[in-house]
């Protein structure tokens, strides 16, 4: 069983990274730099949530690979759709 301390630490990390994302938005960085930083932070948060709150960390690796393949496919489709919009 995962301890309450671990879930509290994960909550703090998610809260701090969300706060950093908001600060990046108002920092006056160039659009693509801010976009890149926010995307990296969002990806890290998604991995953290999937690993602990959706219990992928404790599942067989094959299931984790299956989820990652779906994520990559969704990302590829999103990029293809955004390319056609530009």
N, C-alpha and C. Protein backbone atom coordinates (compact mmCIF):
# COMPACT_ATOMS: atom_id res chain seq x y z
N UNK A 1 0.84 -1.18 0.00
CA UNK A 1 0.00 0.00 0.00
C UNK A 1 0.89 1.24 0.00
N UNK A 2 0.48 2.21 -0.76
CA UNK A 2 1.25 3.45 -0.86
C UNK A 2 0.87 4.35 0.31
N UNK A 3 1.87 4.99 0.87
CA UNK A 3 1.64 5.79 2.07
C UNK A 3 1.01 7.14 1.76
N UNK A 4 0.45 7.73 2.78
CA UNK A 4 -0.15 9.06 2.66
C UNK A 4 0.92 10.10 2.37
N UNK A 5 2.12 9.89 2.90
CA UNK A 5 3.21 10.84 2.65
C UNK A 5 3.55 10.91 1.17
N UNK A 6 3.52 9.76 0.50
CA UNK A 6 3.82 9.75 -0.93
C UNK A 6 2.76 10.50 -1.71
N UNK A 7 1.49 10.26 -1.40
CA UNK A 7 0.41 10.97 -2.10
C UNK A 7 0.47 12.47 -1.81
N UNK A 8 0.85 12.84 -0.61
CA UNK A 8 0.99 14.26 -0.27
C UNK A 8 2.14 14.89 -1.07
N UNK A 9 3.23 14.17 -1.19
CA UNK A 9 4.37 14.67 -1.97
C UNK A 9 3.99 14.82 -3.44
N UNK A 10 3.24 13.86 -3.98
CA UNK A 10 2.80 13.95 -5.37
C UNK A 10 1.88 15.15 -5.54
N UNK A 11 0.99 15.36 -4.61
CA UNK A 11 0.09 16.52 -4.66
C UNK A 11 0.89 17.82 -4.67
N UNK A 12 1.90 17.91 -3.83
CA UNK A 12 2.72 19.13 -3.76
C UNK A 12 3.45 19.35 -5.09
N UNK A 13 3.99 18.27 -5.65
CA UNK A 13 4.70 18.39 -6.93
C UNK A 13 3.74 18.85 -8.03
N UNK A 14 2.54 18.28 -8.07
CA UNK A 14 1.55 18.69 -9.07
C UNK A 14 1.13 20.14 -8.88
N UNK A 15 0.95 20.56 -7.64
CA UNK A 15 0.56 21.94 -7.35
C UNK A 15 1.66 22.91 -7.76
N UNK A 16 2.90 22.58 -7.42
CA UNK A 16 4.02 23.47 -7.75
C UNK A 16 4.20 23.55 -9.26
N UNK A 17 4.09 22.42 -9.96
CA UNK A 17 4.27 22.48 -11.41
C UNK A 17 3.13 23.25 -12.09
N UNK A 18 1.92 23.14 -11.57
CA UNK A 18 0.81 23.94 -12.11
C UNK A 18 1.05 25.43 -11.87
N UNK A 19 1.58 25.76 -10.71
CA UNK A 19 1.91 27.15 -10.41
C UNK A 19 3.01 27.66 -11.33
N UNK A 20 4.00 26.83 -11.60
CA UNK A 20 5.08 27.21 -12.51
C UNK A 20 4.53 27.43 -13.92
N UNK A 21 3.57 26.61 -14.33
CA UNK A 21 2.97 26.80 -15.64
C UNK A 21 2.28 28.16 -15.75
N UNK A 22 1.59 28.55 -14.72
CA UNK A 22 0.92 29.86 -14.73
C UNK A 22 1.97 30.97 -14.74
N UNK A 23 3.03 30.82 -13.97
CA UNK A 23 4.08 31.84 -13.94
C UNK A 23 4.79 31.95 -15.29
N UNK A 24 4.98 30.82 -15.97
CA UNK A 24 5.60 30.85 -17.29
C UNK A 24 4.73 31.65 -18.26
N UNK A 25 3.44 31.50 -18.13
CA UNK A 25 2.52 32.22 -19.02
C UNK A 25 2.67 33.73 -18.87
N UNK A 26 2.91 34.19 -17.66
CA UNK A 26 3.02 35.63 -17.40
C UNK A 26 4.46 36.13 -17.37
N UNK A 27 5.44 35.28 -17.68
CA UNK A 27 6.84 35.66 -17.57
C UNK A 27 7.32 36.50 -18.75
N UNK A 28 6.55 36.54 -19.81
CA UNK A 28 6.96 37.33 -20.96
C UNK A 28 7.95 36.61 -21.85
N UNK A 29 7.97 35.30 -21.80
CA UNK A 29 8.85 34.52 -22.67
C UNK A 29 8.29 34.51 -24.09
N UNK A 30 9.14 34.14 -25.03
CA UNK A 30 8.64 34.01 -26.39
C UNK A 30 7.59 32.89 -26.43
N UNK A 31 6.73 32.95 -27.43
CA UNK A 31 5.60 32.01 -27.49
C UNK A 31 6.08 30.57 -27.51
N UNK A 32 7.03 30.25 -28.37
CA UNK A 32 7.45 28.85 -28.53
C UNK A 32 8.22 28.35 -27.32
N UNK A 33 8.98 29.21 -26.67
CA UNK A 33 9.69 28.79 -25.46
C UNK A 33 8.68 28.51 -24.35
N UNK A 34 7.73 29.40 -24.16
CA UNK A 34 6.70 29.19 -23.14
C UNK A 34 5.88 27.94 -23.47
N UNK A 35 5.56 27.75 -24.74
CA UNK A 35 4.81 26.57 -25.17
C UNK A 35 5.59 25.29 -24.85
N UNK A 36 6.89 25.29 -25.13
CA UNK A 36 7.73 24.12 -24.86
C UNK A 36 7.82 23.81 -23.38
N UNK A 37 8.00 24.83 -22.57
CA UNK A 37 8.10 24.62 -21.12
C UNK A 37 6.79 24.09 -20.57
N UNK A 38 5.69 24.67 -21.01
CA UNK A 38 4.38 24.22 -20.53
C UNK A 38 4.10 22.79 -20.98
N UNK A 39 4.48 22.44 -22.20
CA UNK A 39 4.27 21.07 -22.69
C UNK A 39 5.10 20.06 -21.91
N UNK A 40 6.33 20.39 -21.59
CA UNK A 40 7.18 19.49 -20.82
C UNK A 40 6.61 19.29 -19.42
N UNK A 41 6.20 20.38 -18.80
CA UNK A 41 5.60 20.27 -17.46
C UNK A 41 4.29 19.48 -17.50
N UNK A 42 3.50 19.67 -18.53
CA UNK A 42 2.25 18.93 -18.66
C UNK A 42 2.50 17.45 -18.86
N UNK A 43 3.49 17.11 -19.65
CA UNK A 43 3.83 15.70 -19.88
C UNK A 43 4.32 15.05 -18.58
N UNK A 44 5.14 15.78 -17.83
CA UNK A 44 5.63 15.24 -16.56
C UNK A 44 4.48 15.02 -15.58
N UNK A 45 3.55 15.96 -15.55
CA UNK A 45 2.39 15.80 -14.67
C UNK A 45 1.53 14.62 -15.10
N UNK A 46 1.35 14.44 -16.40
CA UNK A 46 0.54 13.33 -16.90
C UNK A 46 1.17 11.99 -16.55
N UNK A 47 2.47 11.89 -16.67
CA UNK A 47 3.17 10.65 -16.31
C UNK A 47 3.04 10.38 -14.82
N UNK A 48 3.17 11.40 -14.02
CA UNK A 48 3.06 11.25 -12.57
C UNK A 48 1.66 10.79 -12.17
N UNK A 49 0.65 11.39 -12.76
CA UNK A 49 -0.73 11.01 -12.44
C UNK A 49 -1.01 9.59 -12.92
N UNK A 50 -0.57 9.25 -14.12
CA UNK A 50 -0.82 7.90 -14.64
C UNK A 50 -0.08 6.85 -13.82
N UNK A 51 1.12 7.17 -13.40
CA UNK A 51 1.91 6.19 -12.66
C UNK A 51 1.34 5.90 -11.27
N UNK A 52 0.94 6.93 -10.57
CA UNK A 52 0.53 6.72 -9.18
C UNK A 52 -0.98 6.68 -8.98
N UNK A 53 -1.71 7.62 -9.55
CA UNK A 53 -3.14 7.68 -9.28
C UNK A 53 -3.93 6.69 -10.13
N UNK A 54 -3.38 6.32 -11.31
CA UNK A 54 -4.03 5.30 -12.12
C UNK A 54 -3.32 3.95 -11.96
N UNK A 55 -2.37 3.89 -11.07
CA UNK A 55 -1.69 2.66 -10.63
C UNK A 55 -0.93 1.96 -11.75
N UNK A 56 -0.50 2.67 -12.78
CA UNK A 56 0.29 2.03 -13.83
C UNK A 56 1.67 1.62 -13.33
N UNK A 57 2.12 2.25 -12.28
CA UNK A 57 3.43 1.89 -11.74
C UNK A 57 3.43 0.46 -11.20
N UNK A 58 2.28 -0.02 -10.77
CA UNK A 58 2.19 -1.34 -10.16
C UNK A 58 1.62 -2.39 -11.11
N UNK A 59 1.35 -2.01 -12.36
CA UNK A 59 0.81 -2.93 -13.36
C UNK A 59 1.96 -3.59 -14.12
N UNK A 60 1.66 -4.66 -14.83
CA UNK A 60 2.70 -5.27 -15.68
C UNK A 60 3.20 -4.29 -16.74
N UNK A 61 4.45 -4.42 -17.10
CA UNK A 61 5.05 -3.49 -18.06
C UNK A 61 4.33 -3.52 -19.40
N UNK A 62 3.79 -4.66 -19.79
CA UNK A 62 3.10 -4.74 -21.08
C UNK A 62 1.91 -3.79 -21.13
N UNK A 63 1.20 -3.64 -20.04
CA UNK A 63 0.07 -2.71 -20.00
C UNK A 63 0.56 -1.27 -20.08
N UNK A 64 1.65 -0.98 -19.43
CA UNK A 64 2.24 0.37 -19.50
C UNK A 64 2.67 0.68 -20.93
N UNK A 65 3.28 -0.31 -21.61
CA UNK A 65 3.69 -0.10 -23.00
C UNK A 65 2.47 0.13 -23.90
N UNK A 66 1.40 -0.60 -23.64
CA UNK A 66 0.19 -0.44 -24.42
C UNK A 66 -0.38 0.98 -24.27
N UNK A 67 -0.39 1.49 -23.06
CA UNK A 67 -0.86 2.86 -22.82
C UNK A 67 0.06 3.86 -23.51
N UNK A 68 1.36 3.63 -23.47
CA UNK A 68 2.30 4.55 -24.11
C UNK A 68 2.12 4.55 -25.63
N UNK A 69 1.85 3.38 -26.22
CA UNK A 69 1.61 3.32 -27.66
C UNK A 69 0.37 4.12 -28.02
N UNK A 70 -0.68 4.01 -27.23
CA UNK A 70 -1.88 4.80 -27.46
C UNK A 70 -1.62 6.29 -27.33
N UNK A 71 -0.81 6.66 -26.37
CA UNK A 71 -0.48 8.07 -26.17
C UNK A 71 0.30 8.62 -27.35
N UNK A 72 1.27 7.85 -27.84
CA UNK A 72 2.07 8.28 -28.99
C UNK A 72 1.18 8.39 -30.23
N UNK A 73 0.25 7.46 -30.41
CA UNK A 73 -0.66 7.52 -31.56
C UNK A 73 -1.55 8.76 -31.47
N UNK A 74 -2.06 9.05 -30.29
CA UNK A 74 -2.90 10.25 -30.12
C UNK A 74 -2.09 11.51 -30.38
N UNK A 75 -0.85 11.54 -29.92
CA UNK A 75 0.01 12.69 -30.16
C UNK A 75 0.30 12.86 -31.65
N UNK A 76 0.55 11.75 -32.34
CA UNK A 76 0.81 11.82 -33.78
C UNK A 76 -0.41 12.33 -34.54
N UNK A 77 -1.58 11.87 -34.17
CA UNK A 77 -2.80 12.35 -34.82
C UNK A 77 -3.04 13.84 -34.54
N UNK A 78 -2.75 14.26 -33.31
CA UNK A 78 -2.91 15.67 -32.97
C UNK A 78 -1.94 16.54 -33.76
N UNK A 79 -0.71 16.10 -33.88
CA UNK A 79 0.27 16.85 -34.66
C UNK A 79 -0.11 16.90 -36.13
N UNK A 80 -0.61 15.80 -36.67
CA UNK A 80 -1.03 15.78 -38.07
C UNK A 80 -2.21 16.73 -38.28
N UNK A 81 -3.14 16.75 -37.35
CA UNK A 81 -4.28 17.65 -37.49
C UNK A 81 -3.85 19.11 -37.36
N UNK A 82 -2.94 19.39 -36.45
CA UNK A 82 -2.49 20.78 -36.29
C UNK A 82 -1.66 21.23 -37.49
N UNK A 83 -0.95 20.30 -38.12
CA UNK A 83 -0.17 20.66 -39.31
C UNK A 83 -1.10 21.06 -40.45
N UNK A 84 -2.24 20.38 -40.54
CA UNK A 84 -3.17 20.72 -41.63
C UNK A 84 -3.85 22.07 -41.36
N UNK A 85 -3.89 22.50 -40.11
CA UNK A 85 -4.49 23.79 -39.79
C UNK A 85 -3.54 24.95 -40.07
N UNK A 86 -2.25 24.68 -39.99
CA UNK A 86 -1.27 25.75 -40.22
C UNK A 86 -1.12 25.95 -41.69
